[in-house]
Amino acid sequence: MRKLFIITLFLSVQSVWAEDDVNDELDAAWDKIKMTV
C-alpha cells in the first residue's frame, strides 16, 4: 500500500509538470502499475 501511495503522489506531481499529456501519461502509468501489481 505504501508503494501505491508513493506512486500516486509521484504521478500527481508529474501531472503538474506535463499538463499537456496528463491523460496519456496517467493511462500509461496506471497500465504499468497494474502489470506490476
Protein backbone atom coordinates (compact mmCIF):
# COMPACT_ATOMS: atom_id res chain seq x y z
CA MET A 1 0.00 0.00 0.00
CA ARG A 2 2.82 2.37 0.82
CA LYS A 3 4.31 1.79 -2.62
CA LEU A 4 0.99 2.60 -4.27
CA PHE A 5 0.73 5.84 -2.27
CA ILE A 6 4.22 6.91 -3.30
CA ILE A 7 3.47 6.12 -6.94
CA THR A 8 0.21 8.07 -6.81
CA LEU A 9 1.99 11.02 -5.22
CA PHE A 10 4.68 10.86 -7.89
CA LEU A 11 2.09 10.74 -10.65
CA SER A 12 0.21 13.75 -9.31
CA VAL A 13 3.44 15.73 -9.14
CA GLN A 14 4.41 14.63 -12.64
CA SER A 15 0.99 15.57 -14.00
CA VAL A 16 1.53 19.13 -12.75
CA TRP A 17 4.74 19.28 -14.79
CA ALA A 18 3.22 17.95 -18.02
CA GLU A 19 -0.35 19.17 -18.07
CA ASP A 20 -0.45 18.71 -21.85
CA ASP A 21 -0.16 14.92 -21.77
CA VAL A 22 -1.71 14.26 -18.37
CA ASN A 23 -4.31 11.76 -19.58
CA ASP A 24 -1.88 9.80 -21.75
CA GLU A 25 0.76 9.80 -19.02
CA LEU A 26 -1.69 8.62 -16.36
CA ASP A 27 -3.11 5.91 -18.61
CA ALA A 28 0.35 4.55 -19.38
CA ALA A 29 1.41 4.81 -15.75
CA TRP A 30 -1.68 3.01 -14.47
CA ASP A 31 -1.11 0.25 -17.05
CA LYS A 32 2.42 -0.19 -15.68
CA ILE A 33 1.14 -0.20 -12.09
CA LYS A 34 -1.50 -2.82 -12.90
CA MET A 35 1.14 -5.02 -14.53
CA THR A 36 3.44 -4.65 -11.52
CA VAL A 37 0.68 -5.34 -9.00
